[in-house]
Amino acid sequence: MGTSTDGAALGDQSGRTVIVTGGAGGLGLVTARELALAGARVVLAVRNVGAGERAAASLAGPVEVRELDLASLASIHRFADGWAGPAQVLINNAGVANTPLRRTEDGFELQFGTNHLGHFALTNLLLPHLTDRVVTVASTAHRAAELDLDDLGWTRRRYRPMPAYAQSKLANLLFTLELQRRLTAAGSPVRALAAHPGVAASGLNRNLGPAMAVLDRTVGRLIRQSTAAGAQPTLAAATLDLPGGGYLGPDGAREQRGRPTLVGRSRLASDPDLAGRLWAASEQLTKVGFGLPVPA
């Protein structure tokens, strides 16, 4: 595809409401800024309302800030219960990476609980309001991931931050796969897409250990693209006419940098049976089911 979404190429987004999780900084803030400049009403769904308000003050156009903590199912329910009216796009952008072993308010491993389960619950609770698409931000890290459905919370395995992050990103892609299948079965026009930023300045690497931090500052600096460039696949997924289930990333070598294009995914991330089993496990953990009625 090789389509740039810089500037006016986004097209006129007037009349469209876009919810961006984690929109107070990094890739989320750039995504929100570009959509607001194109005329969209942007809602920053953020854990830190003060940071969200400071971010909103830097944006042009109609921007709102609403509290959302993806590590709390209670907060997710409050956000969804407080939503009224339609929204065209939900961008599941927020995330944490490479953290020490921590638990969410509900006892889930923090990376899986925030990056996957939080967005899983939010998406399904908001589905009755969504009219166009759900975009979930994944990562090339999914290619190194395994998914242990019997130990999603890392209670039996030795916890390792980077494999836990990779598992959460694999879950993002499996979620997109199964969500699109269910949307199609329900006769919904809503599309599920995923995107990844390549190697971009995003703030996610702040939890790297000393050795990896040095590598990130040296080698990473040479290959990393800007936050603005890293946001382009998400912006493309949110605005271009693309097939449901599509996955976008940079078109350069190893998908590290470049212009947004449709990209492939790992064998596990393409497994519909695994996607269905993860969905069932996610419903059981969050007590949130598919948000739309399914025809008999």
C-alpha atoms as a PDB file:
ATOM      1  CA  MET A   1       0.000   0.000   0.000  1.00  0.00           C
ATOM      2  CA  GLY A   2       2.729   2.453   0.964  1.00  0.00           C
ATOM      3  CA  THR A   3       0.189   5.154   1.768  1.00  0.00           C
ATOM      4  CA  SER A   4       1.326   8.121   3.847  1.00  0.00           C
ATOM      5  CA  THR A   5      -1.202   9.676   6.196  1.00  0.00           C
ATOM      6  CA  ASP A   6       0.789  12.854   6.712  1.00  0.00           C
ATOM      7  CA  GLY A   7      -1.214  16.069   6.966  1.00  0.00           C
ATOM      8  CA  ALA A   8      -4.155  16.487   4.648  1.00  0.00           C
ATOM      9  CA  ALA A   9      -3.883  12.875   3.421  1.00  0.00           C
ATOM     10  CA  LEU A  10      -5.977  11.865   6.435  1.00  0.00           C
ATOM     11  CA  GLY A  11      -8.931  13.476   4.735  1.00  0.00           C
ATOM     12  CA  ASP A  12     -11.647  15.481   6.431  1.00  0.00           C
ATOM     13  CA  GLN A  13     -12.535  13.763   9.711  1.00  0.00           C
ATOM     14  CA  SER A  14     -15.196  16.288  10.682  1.00  0.00           C
ATOM     15  CA  GLY A  15     -18.246  14.728  12.279  1.00  0.00           C
ATOM     16  CA  ARG A  16     -16.311  11.695  13.473  1.00  0.00           C
ATOM     17  CA  THR A  17     -15.667  10.879  17.124  1.00  0.00           C
ATOM     18  CA  VAL A  18     -12.474   8.973  17.897  1.00  0.00           C
ATOM     19  CA  ILE A  19     -11.598   7.530  21.316  1.00  0.00           C
ATOM     20  CA  VAL A  20      -7.849   7.154  21.884  1.00  0.00           C
ATOM     21  CA  THR A  21      -6.699   5.225  24.933  1.00  0.00           C
ATOM     22  CA  GLY A  22      -3.423   6.447  26.368  1.00  0.00           C
ATOM     23  CA  GLY A  23      -3.696   9.684  24.414  1.00  0.00           C
ATOM     24  CA  ALA A  24      -1.788  11.834  26.902  1.00  0.00           C
ATOM     25  CA  GLY A  25       1.650  11.105  25.458  1.00  0.00           C
ATOM     26  CA  GLY A  26       3.787   9.203  22.984  1.00  0.00           C
ATOM     27  CA  LEU A  27       2.154   7.599  19.976  1.00  0.00           C
ATOM     28  CA  GLY A  28      -1.316   8.199  21.376  1.00  0.00           C
ATOM     29  CA  LEU A  29      -0.815  11.940  21.625  1.00  0.00           C
ATOM     30  CA  VAL A  30       0.513  12.173  18.062  1.00  0.00           C
ATOM     31  CA  THR A  31      -2.414  10.081  16.845  1.00  0.00           C
ATOM     32  CA  ALA A  32      -4.863  12.328  18.678  1.00  0.00           C
ATOM     33  CA  ARG A  33      -3.185  15.499  17.399  1.00  0.00           C
ATOM     34  CA  GLU A  34      -3.363  14.436  13.750  1.00  0.00           C
ATOM     35  CA  LEU A  35      -6.996  13.369  14.018  1.00  0.00           C
ATOM     36  CA  ALA A  36      -7.969  16.602  15.768  1.00  0.00           C
ATOM     37  CA  LEU A  37      -6.185  18.641  13.095  1.00  0.00           C
ATOM     38  CA  ALA A  38      -8.211  16.742  10.496  1.00  0.00           C
ATOM     39  CA  GLY A  39     -11.426  17.799  12.236  1.00  0.00           C
ATOM     40  CA  ALA A  40     -12.316  14.788  14.383  1.00  0.00           C
ATOM     41  CA  ARG A  41     -13.740  15.098  17.857  1.00  0.00           C
ATOM     42  CA  VAL A  42     -11.097  13.307  19.913  1.00  0.00           C
ATOM     43  CA  VAL A  43     -11.642  11.791  23.334  1.00  0.00           C
ATOM     44  CA  LEU A  44      -8.475  11.114  25.304  1.00  0.00           C
ATOM     45  CA  ALA A  45      -9.151   8.110  27.544  1.00  0.00           C
ATOM     46  CA  VAL A  46      -6.374   8.351  30.118  1.00  0.00           C
ATOM     47  CA  ARG A  47      -5.405   7.103  33.555  1.00  0.00           C
ATOM     48  CA  ASN A  48      -3.912  10.445  34.606  1.00  0.00           C
ATOM     49  CA  VAL A  49      -6.542  13.107  33.983  1.00  0.00           C
ATOM     50  CA  GLY A  50      -4.143  15.947  34.767  1.00  0.00           C
ATOM     51  CA  ALA A  51      -1.709  14.732  32.112  1.00  0.00           C
ATOM     52  CA  GLY A  52      -4.617  14.266  29.732  1.00  0.00           C
ATOM     53  CA  GLU A  53      -5.793  17.834  30.258  1.00  0.00           C
ATOM     54  CA  ARG A  54      -2.299  19.183  29.630  1.00  0.00           C
ATOM     55  CA  ALA A  55      -2.150  17.137  26.442  1.00  0.00           C
ATOM     56  CA  ALA A  56      -5.600  18.331  25.370  1.00  0.00           C
ATOM     57  CA  ALA A  57      -4.533  21.945  25.827  1.00  0.00           C
ATOM     58  CA  SER A  58      -1.861  21.397  23.169  1.00  0.00           C
ATOM     59  CA  LEU A  59      -4.318  20.092  20.581  1.00  0.00           C
ATOM     60  CA  ALA A  60      -6.453  21.951  18.075  1.00  0.00           C
ATOM     61  CA  GLY A  61     -10.126  21.211  17.619  1.00  0.00           C
ATOM     62  CA  PRO A  62     -12.711  19.588  19.886  1.00  0.00           C
ATOM     63  CA  VAL A  63     -10.889  17.423  22.437  1.00  0.00           C
ATOM     64  CA  GLU A  64     -12.248  15.841  25.614  1.00  0.00           C
ATOM     65  CA  VAL A  65     -10.497  14.075  28.461  1.00  0.00           C
ATOM     66  CA  ARG A  66     -12.091  11.159  30.302  1.00  0.00           C
ATOM     67  CA  GLU A  67     -10.619   8.982  33.008  1.00  0.00           C
ATOM     68  CA  LEU A  68      -9.830   5.377  32.123  1.00  0.00           C
ATOM     69  CA  ASP A  69      -7.536   2.965  33.938  1.00  0.00           C
ATOM     70  CA  LEU A  70      -7.147  -0.157  31.822  1.00  0.00           C
ATOM     71  CA  ALA A  71      -5.701  -1.988  34.827  1.00  0.00           C
ATOM     72  CA  SER A  72      -9.079  -1.719  36.564  1.00  0.00           C
ATOM     73  CA  LEU A  73     -12.243  -3.412  35.317  1.00  0.00           C
ATOM     74  CA  ALA A  74     -14.259  -1.093  37.561  1.00  0.00           C
ATOM     75  CA  SER A  75     -12.754   1.943  35.812  1.00  0.00           C
ATOM     76  CA  ILE A  76     -13.436   0.396  32.394  1.00  0.00           C
ATOM     77  CA  HIS A  77     -17.074  -0.179  33.316  1.00  0.00           C
ATOM     78  CA  ARG A  78     -17.405   3.406  34.578  1.00  0.00           C
ATOM     79  CA  PHE A  79     -15.993   4.736  31.324  1.00  0.00           C
ATOM     80  CA  ALA A  80     -18.314   2.607  29.203  1.00  0.00           C
ATOM     81  CA  ASP A  81     -21.356   3.271  31.378  1.00  0.00           C
ATOM     82  CA  GLY A  82     -20.720   7.000  31.052  1.00  0.00           C
ATOM     83  CA  TRP A  83     -20.527   6.918  27.273  1.00  0.00           C
ATOM     84  CA  ALA A  84     -23.561   8.216  25.376  1.00  0.00           C
ATOM     85  CA  GLY A  85     -24.077   8.519  21.655  1.00  0.00           C
ATOM     86  CA  PRO A  86     -22.111   7.072  18.770  1.00  0.00           C
ATOM     87  CA  ALA A  87     -18.355   6.943  18.270  1.00  0.00           C
ATOM     88  CA  GLN A  88     -16.928   6.081  14.899  1.00  0.00           C
ATOM     89  CA  VAL A  89     -13.513   4.802  15.977  1.00  0.00           C
ATOM     90  CA  LEU A  90     -11.931   3.273  19.067  1.00  0.00           C
ATOM     91  CA  ILE A  91      -8.125   3.233  19.046  1.00  0.00           C
ATOM     92  CA  ASN A  92      -6.740   0.796  21.610  1.00  0.00           C
ATOM     93  CA  ASN A  93      -3.365   2.483  21.915  1.00  0.00           C
ATOM     94  CA  ALA A  94      -2.448   2.501  25.612  1.00  0.00           C
ATOM     95  CA  GLY A  95       0.015  -0.034  26.896  1.00  0.00           C
ATOM     96  CA  VAL A  96       2.809  -0.926  29.258  1.00  0.00           C
ATOM     97  CA  ALA A  97       5.981  -2.800  28.371  1.00  0.00           C
ATOM     98  CA  ASN A  98       8.712  -4.851  30.010  1.00  0.00           C
ATOM     99  CA  THR A  99       7.553  -4.166  33.551  1.00  0.00           C
ATOM    100  CA  PRO A 100       8.578  -6.122  36.653  1.00  0.00           C
ATOM    101  CA  LEU A 101       5.979  -8.630  37.795  1.00  0.00           C
ATOM    102  CA  ARG A 102       2.995  -6.611  38.938  1.00  0.00           C
ATOM    103  CA  ARG A 103      -0.722  -7.252  39.146  1.00  0.00           C
ATOM    104  CA  THR A 104      -3.701  -5.183  38.083  1.00  0.00           C
ATOM    105  CA  GLU A 105      -6.453  -4.232  40.493  1.00  0.00           C
ATOM    106  CA  ASP A 106      -8.221  -7.459  39.477  1.00  0.00           C
ATOM    107  CA  GLY A 107      -5.167  -9.688  39.907  1.00  0.00           C
ATOM    108  CA  PHE A 108      -4.095 -10.036  36.264  1.00  0.00           C
ATOM    109  CA  GLU A 109      -0.428  -9.842  35.257  1.00  0.00           C
ATOM    110  CA  LEU A 110      -0.011  -6.140  34.479  1.00  0.00           C
ATOM    111  CA  GLN A 111       1.080  -6.310  30.842  1.00  0.00           C
ATOM    112  CA  PHE A 112      -1.498  -8.895  29.780  1.00  0.00           C
ATOM    113  CA  GLY A 113      -4.156  -7.264  31.943  1.00  0.00           C
ATOM    114  CA  THR A 114      -3.578  -3.772  30.562  1.00  0.00           C
ATOM    115  CA  ASN A 115      -2.579  -4.395  26.966  1.00  0.00           C
ATOM    116  CA  HIS A 116      -5.078  -7.162  26.208  1.00  0.00           C
ATOM    117  CA  LEU A 117      -7.734  -7.768  28.856  1.00  0.00           C
ATOM    118  CA  GLY A 118      -8.368  -4.075  29.516  1.00  0.00           C
ATOM    119  CA  HIS A 119      -8.863  -3.339  25.836  1.00  0.00           C
ATOM    120  CA  PHE A 120     -10.855  -6.539  25.367  1.00  0.00           C
ATOM    121  CA  ALA A 121     -13.346  -5.447  28.019  1.00  0.00           C
ATOM    122  CA  LEU A 122     -13.441  -1.826  26.862  1.00  0.00           C
ATOM    123  CA  THR A 123     -14.036  -2.741  23.233  1.00  0.00           C
ATOM    124  CA  ASN A 124     -16.891  -5.124  23.953  1.00  0.00           C
ATOM    125  CA  LEU A 125     -18.579  -2.715  26.355  1.00  0.00           C
ATOM    126  CA  LEU A 126     -18.373   0.089  23.781  1.00  0.00           C
ATOM    127  CA  LEU A 127     -19.347  -1.993  20.727  1.00  0.00           C
ATOM    128  CA  PRO A 128     -23.020  -0.957  20.853  1.00  0.00           C
ATOM    129  CA  HIS A 129     -21.842   2.645  20.348  1.00  0.00           C
ATOM    130  CA  LEU A 130     -19.191   2.061  17.662  1.00  0.00           C
ATOM    131  CA  THR A 131     -20.108   2.580  14.020  1.00  0.00           C
ATOM    132  CA  ASP A 132     -16.929   2.219  11.981  1.00  0.00           C
ATOM    133  CA  ARG A 133     -13.851   0.461  13.382  1.00  0.00           C
ATOM    134  CA  VAL A 134     -11.673  -0.706  16.245  1.00  0.00           C
ATOM    135  CA  VAL A 135      -7.916  -0.246  15.853  1.00  0.00           C
ATOM    136  CA  THR A 136      -5.612  -2.070  18.276  1.00  0.00           C
ATOM    137  CA  VAL A 137      -1.916  -1.224  18.488  1.00  0.00           C
ATOM    138  CA  ALA A 138       0.222  -4.377  18.411  1.00  0.00           C
ATOM    139  CA  SER A 139       3.970  -4.927  17.961  1.00  0.00           C
ATOM    140  CA  THR A 140       6.492  -6.958  15.977  1.00  0.00           C
ATOM    141  CA  ALA A 141       7.325  -8.432  19.404  1.00  0.00           C
ATOM    142  CA  HIS A 142       4.355 -10.746  18.848  1.00  0.00           C
ATOM    143  CA  ARG A 143       6.536 -12.820  16.516  1.00  0.00           C
ATOM    144  CA  ALA A 144       8.652 -14.009  19.458  1.00  0.00           C
ATOM    145  CA  ALA A 145       5.653 -14.837  21.623  1.00  0.00           C
ATOM    146  CA  GLU A 146       4.063 -17.997  22.893  1.00  0.00           C
ATOM    147  CA  LEU A 147       0.611 -18.080  24.438  1.00  0.00           C
ATOM    148  CA  ASP A 148       0.104 -20.325  27.453  1.00  0.00           C
ATOM    149  CA  LEU A 149      -3.661 -20.379  27.927  1.00  0.00           C
ATOM    150  CA  ASP A 150      -3.195 -22.331  31.158  1.00  0.00           C
ATOM    151  CA  ASP A 151      -0.916 -19.689  32.673  1.00  0.00           C
ATOM    152  CA  LEU A 152      -1.900 -16.311  31.252  1.00  0.00           C
ATOM    153  CA  GLY A 153      -1.163 -14.711  34.606  1.00  0.00           C
ATOM    154  CA  TRP A 154       2.402 -16.065  34.939  1.00  0.00           C
ATOM    155  CA  THR A 155       1.658 -17.815  38.210  1.00  0.00           C
ATOM    156  CA  ARG A 156       3.465 -21.082  37.331  1.00  0.00           C
ATOM    157  CA  ARG A 157       6.106 -19.964  34.843  1.00  0.00           C
ATOM    158  CA  ARG A 158       9.140 -17.937  35.820  1.00  0.00           C
ATOM    159  CA  TYR A 159       8.138 -14.408  34.988  1.00  0.00           C
ATOM    160  CA  ARG A 160      10.194 -12.626  32.338  1.00  0.00           C
ATOM    161  CA  PRO A 161       9.201  -9.076  31.350  1.00  0.00           C
ATOM    162  CA  MET A 162       9.921  -9.223  27.616  1.00  0.00           C
ATOM    163  CA  PRO A 163       8.182 -12.571  26.917  1.00  0.00           C
ATOM    164  CA  ALA A 164       5.219 -11.317  28.955  1.00  0.00           C
ATOM    165  CA  TYR A 165       5.052  -8.204  26.793  1.00  0.00           C
ATOM    166  CA  ALA A 166       5.319 -10.289  23.619  1.00  0.00           C
ATOM    167  CA  GLN A 167       2.462 -12.503  24.848  1.00  0.00           C
ATOM    168  CA  SER A 168       0.254  -9.455  25.356  1.00  0.00           C
ATOM    169  CA  LYS A 169       0.991  -8.245  21.818  1.00  0.00           C
ATOM    170  CA  LEU A 170       0.229 -11.669  20.354  1.00  0.00           C
ATOM    171  CA  ALA A 171      -3.037 -11.487  22.263  1.00  0.00           C
ATOM    172  CA  ASN A 172      -3.785  -8.112  20.620  1.00  0.00           C
ATOM    173  CA  LEU A 173      -3.571  -9.677  17.168  1.00  0.00           C
ATOM    174  CA  LEU A 174      -5.571 -12.766  18.106  1.00  0.00           C
ATOM    175  CA  PHE A 175      -8.202 -10.465  19.620  1.00  0.00           C
ATOM    176  CA  THR A 176      -8.410  -8.532  16.338  1.00  0.00           C
ATOM    177  CA  LEU A 177      -8.752 -11.771  14.382  1.00  0.00           C
ATOM    178  CA  GLU A 178     -11.589 -13.158  16.507  1.00  0.00           C
ATOM    179  CA  LEU A 179     -13.282  -9.769  16.881  1.00  0.00           C
ATOM    180  CA  GLN A 180     -13.505  -9.434  13.109  1.00  0.00           C
ATOM    181  CA  ARG A 181     -14.923 -12.948  12.811  1.00  0.00           C
ATOM    182  CA  ARG A 182     -17.609 -12.136  15.359  1.00  0.00           C
ATOM    183  CA  LEU A 183     -18.430  -8.762  13.812  1.00  0.00           C
ATOM    184  CA  THR A 184     -18.902 -10.433  10.427  1.00  0.00           C
ATOM    185  CA  ALA A 185     -21.097 -13.156  11.938  1.00  0.00           C
ATOM    186  CA  ALA A 186     -23.213 -10.505  13.658  1.00  0.00           C
ATOM    187  CA  GLY A 187     -23.706  -8.624  10.387  1.00  0.00           C
ATOM    188  CA  SER A 188     -21.989  -5.547  11.813  1.00  0.00           C
ATOM    189  CA  PRO A 189     -20.352  -2.977   9.523  1.00  0.00           C
ATOM    190  CA  VAL A 190     -17.708  -2.315  12.186  1.00  0.00           C
ATOM    191  CA  ARG A 191     -14.207  -3.426  11.214  1.00  0.00           C
ATOM    192  CA  ALA A 192     -11.389  -4.630  13.473  1.00  0.00           C
ATOM    193  CA  LEU A 193      -7.857  -3.710  12.456  1.00  0.00           C
ATOM    194  CA  ALA A 194      -4.428  -3.719  14.055  1.00  0.00           C
ATOM    195  CA  ALA A 195      -1.317  -1.621  13.548  1.00  0.00           C
ATOM    196  CA  HIS A 196       2.221  -1.445  14.839  1.00  0.00           C
ATOM    197  CA  PRO A 197       4.658   1.499  14.849  1.00  0.00           C
ATOM    198  CA  GLY A 198       7.844  -0.316  13.955  1.00  0.00           C
ATOM    199  CA  VAL A 199      10.821   0.823  16.006  1.00  0.00           C
ATOM    200  CA  ALA A 200       9.613   4.214  17.176  1.00  0.00           C
ATOM    201  CA  ALA A 201      10.175   6.637  20.023  1.00  0.00           C
ATOM    202  CA  SER A 202       7.152   5.908  22.187  1.00  0.00           C
ATOM    203  CA  GLY A 203       8.168   5.931  25.852  1.00  0.00           C
ATOM    204  CA  LEU A 204       7.487   2.209  26.221  1.00  0.00           C
ATOM    205  CA  ASN A 205      11.154   1.361  26.724  1.00  0.00           C
ATOM    206  CA  ARG A 206      11.484   3.141  30.072  1.00  0.00           C
ATOM    207  CA  ASN A 207      11.285  -0.189  31.952  1.00  0.00           C
ATOM    208  CA  LEU A 208      14.171  -1.879  30.159  1.00  0.00           C
ATOM    209  CA  GLY A 209      16.946  -3.329  32.314  1.00  0.00           C
ATOM    210  CA  PRO A 210      20.421  -1.716  32.319  1.00  0.00           C
ATOM    211  CA  ALA A 211      21.933  -3.822  29.527  1.00  0.00           C
ATOM    212  CA  MET A 212      18.916  -3.499  27.220  1.00  0.00           C
ATOM    213  CA  ALA A 213      18.669   0.214  27.994  1.00  0.00           C
ATOM    214  CA  VAL A 214      22.235   0.717  26.775  1.00  0.00           C
ATOM    215  CA  LEU A 215      21.440  -1.249  23.604  1.00  0.00           C
ATOM    216  CA  ASP A 216      18.316   0.832  23.089  1.00  0.00           C
ATOM    217  CA  ARG A 217      20.256   4.093  23.451  1.00  0.00           C
ATOM    218  CA  THR A 218      22.940   2.997  20.986  1.00  0.00           C
ATOM    219  CA  VAL A 219      21.672   0.595  18.338  1.00  0.00           C
ATOM    220  CA  GLY A 220      18.062   1.614  18.874  1.00  0.00           C
ATOM    221  CA  ARG A 221      18.873   5.262  18.232  1.00  0.00           C
ATOM    222  CA  LEU A 222      20.211   4.378  14.791  1.00  0.00           C
ATOM    223  CA  ILE A 223      17.103   2.543  13.582  1.00  0.00           C
ATOM    224  CA  ARG A 224      14.340   4.252  15.544  1.00  0.00           C
ATOM    225  CA  GLN A 225      11.915   6.455  13.658  1.00  0.00           C
ATOM    226  CA  SER A 226      10.134   9.438  15.143  1.00  0.00           C
ATOM    227  CA  THR A 227       6.948   9.229  17.152  1.00  0.00           C
ATOM    228  CA  ALA A 228       5.204  11.061  14.315  1.00  0.00           C
ATOM    229  CA  ALA A 229       6.316   8.404  11.830  1.00  0.00           C
ATOM    230  CA  GLY A 230       5.467   5.609  14.248  1.00  0.00           C
ATOM    231  CA  ALA A 231       1.885   6.841  14.534  1.00  0.00           C
ATOM    232  CA  GLN A 232       1.295   6.631  10.777  1.00  0.00           C
ATOM    233  CA  PRO A 233       0.185   2.957  10.644  1.00  0.00           C
ATOM    234  CA  THR A 234      -2.381   3.623  13.387  1.00  0.00           C
ATOM    235  CA  LEU A 235      -3.653   6.714  11.572  1.00  0.00           C
ATOM    236  CA  ALA A 236      -3.914   4.748   8.342  1.00  0.00           C
ATOM    237  CA  ALA A 237      -5.820   1.971  10.081  1.00  0.00           C
ATOM    238  CA  ALA A 238      -8.178   4.533  11.594  1.00  0.00           C
ATOM    239  CA  THR A 239      -8.971   6.454   8.420  1.00  0.00           C
ATOM    240  CA  LEU A 240      -8.322   4.527   5.205  1.00  0.00           C
ATOM    241  CA  ASP A 241     -10.732   2.126   3.512  1.00  0.00           C
ATOM    242  CA  LEU A 242      -9.141  -1.158   4.553  1.00  0.00           C
ATOM    243  CA  PRO A 243     -10.377  -4.739   4.935  1.00  0.00           C
ATOM    244  CA  GLY A 244     -11.451  -5.912   8.352  1.00  0.00           C
ATOM    245  CA  GLY A 245      -8.776  -7.968  10.052  1.00  0.00           C
ATOM    246  CA  GLY A 246      -5.993  -6.036   8.331  1.00  0.00           C
ATOM    247  CA  TYR A 247      -2.681  -5.378  10.065  1.00  0.00           C
ATOM    248  CA  LEU A 248      -0.549  -2.362   9.209  1.00  0.00           C
ATOM    249  CA  GLY A 249       3.075  -1.515   9.880  1.00  0.00           C
ATOM    250  CA  PRO A 250       6.046   0.268   8.276  1.00  0.00           C
ATOM    251  CA  ASP A 251       7.106  -0.893   4.816  1.00  0.00           C
ATOM    252  CA  GLY A 252      10.868  -0.829   5.466  1.00  0.00           C
ATOM    253  CA  ALA A 253      13.264  -3.643   6.277  1.00  0.00           C
ATOM    254  CA  ARG A 254      12.000  -5.860   9.123  1.00  0.00           C
ATOM    255  CA  GLU A 255       9.081  -3.438   9.437  1.00  0.00           C
ATOM    256  CA  GLN A 256      11.267  -1.202  11.591  1.00  0.00           C
ATOM    257  CA  ARG A 257      10.540   2.079   9.839  1.00  0.00           C
ATOM    258  CA  GLY A 258       8.889   3.454   6.735  1.00  0.00           C
ATOM    259  CA  ARG A 259       5.474   4.281   5.385  1.00  0.00           C
ATOM    260  CA  PRO A 260       2.362   2.359   6.481  1.00  0.00           C
ATOM    261  CA  THR A 261       1.429  -0.733   4.553  1.00  0.00           C
ATOM    262  CA  LEU A 262      -0.461  -3.975   5.115  1.00  0.00           C
ATOM    263  CA  VAL A 263       1.926  -6.480   6.732  1.00  0.00           C
ATOM    264  CA  GLY A 264       1.897 -10.119   7.722  1.00  0.00           C
ATOM    265  CA  ARG A 265       1.745 -11.735  11.128  1.00  0.00           C
ATOM    266  CA  SER A 266       3.157 -14.840  12.768  1.00  0.00           C
ATOM    267  CA  ARG A 267       1.650 -18.295  12.401  1.00  0.00           C
ATOM    268  CA  LEU A 268       0.273 -18.171  15.949  1.00  0.00           C
ATOM    269  CA  ALA A 269      -1.224 -14.740  15.366  1.00  0.00           C
ATOM    270  CA  SER A 270      -3.073 -16.156  12.346  1.00  0.00           C
ATOM    271  CA  ASP A 271      -4.541 -19.182  14.149  1.00  0.00           C
ATOM    272  CA  PRO A 272      -8.345 -18.866  14.324  1.00  0.00           C
ATOM    273  CA  ASP A 273      -8.680 -21.737  16.803  1.00  0.00           C
ATOM    274  CA  LEU A 274      -6.197 -20.124  19.184  1.00  0.00           C
ATOM    275  CA  ALA A 275      -7.978 -16.790  18.751  1.00  0.00           C
ATOM    276  CA  GLY A 276     -11.273 -18.369  19.716  1.00  0.00           C
ATOM    277  CA  ARG A 277      -9.808 -20.050  22.773  1.00  0.00           C
ATOM    278  CA  LEU A 278      -8.147 -16.825  23.907  1.00  0.00           C
ATOM    279  CA  TRP A 279     -11.469 -15.030  23.479  1.00  0.00           C
ATOM    280  CA  ALA A 280     -13.221 -17.591  25.679  1.00  0.00           C
ATOM    281  CA  ALA A 281     -10.513 -17.260  28.341  1.00  0.00           C
ATOM    282  CA  SER A 282     -10.757 -13.457  28.177  1.00  0.00           C
ATOM    283  CA  GLU A 283     -14.521 -13.564  28.639  1.00  0.00           C
ATOM    284  CA  GLN A 284     -14.079 -15.807  31.671  1.00  0.00           C
ATOM    285  CA  LEU A 285     -11.430 -13.551  33.219  1.00  0.00           C
ATOM    286  CA  THR A 286     -13.155 -10.219  32.616  1.00  0.00           C
ATOM    287  CA  LYS A 287     -16.778 -11.381  32.835  1.00  0.00           C
ATOM    288  CA  VAL A 288     -17.390  -9.338  29.668  1.00  0.00           C
ATOM    289  CA  GLY A 289     -18.796 -10.982  26.559  1.00  0.00           C
ATOM    290  CA  PHE A 290     -19.164  -9.998  22.920  1.00  0.00           C
ATOM    291  CA  GLY A 291     -20.884  -6.636  22.859  1.00  0.00           C
ATOM    292  CA  LEU A 292     -23.346  -7.218  20.017  1.00  0.00           C
ATOM    293  CA  PRO A 293     -26.273  -9.615  19.580  1.00  0.00           C
ATOM    294  CA  VAL A 294     -25.555 -12.531  17.272  1.00  0.00           C
ATOM    295  CA  PRO A 295     -28.320 -13.597  14.847  1.00  0.00           C
ATOM    296  CA  ALA A 296     -29.862 -16.966  15.660  1.00  0.00           C
END
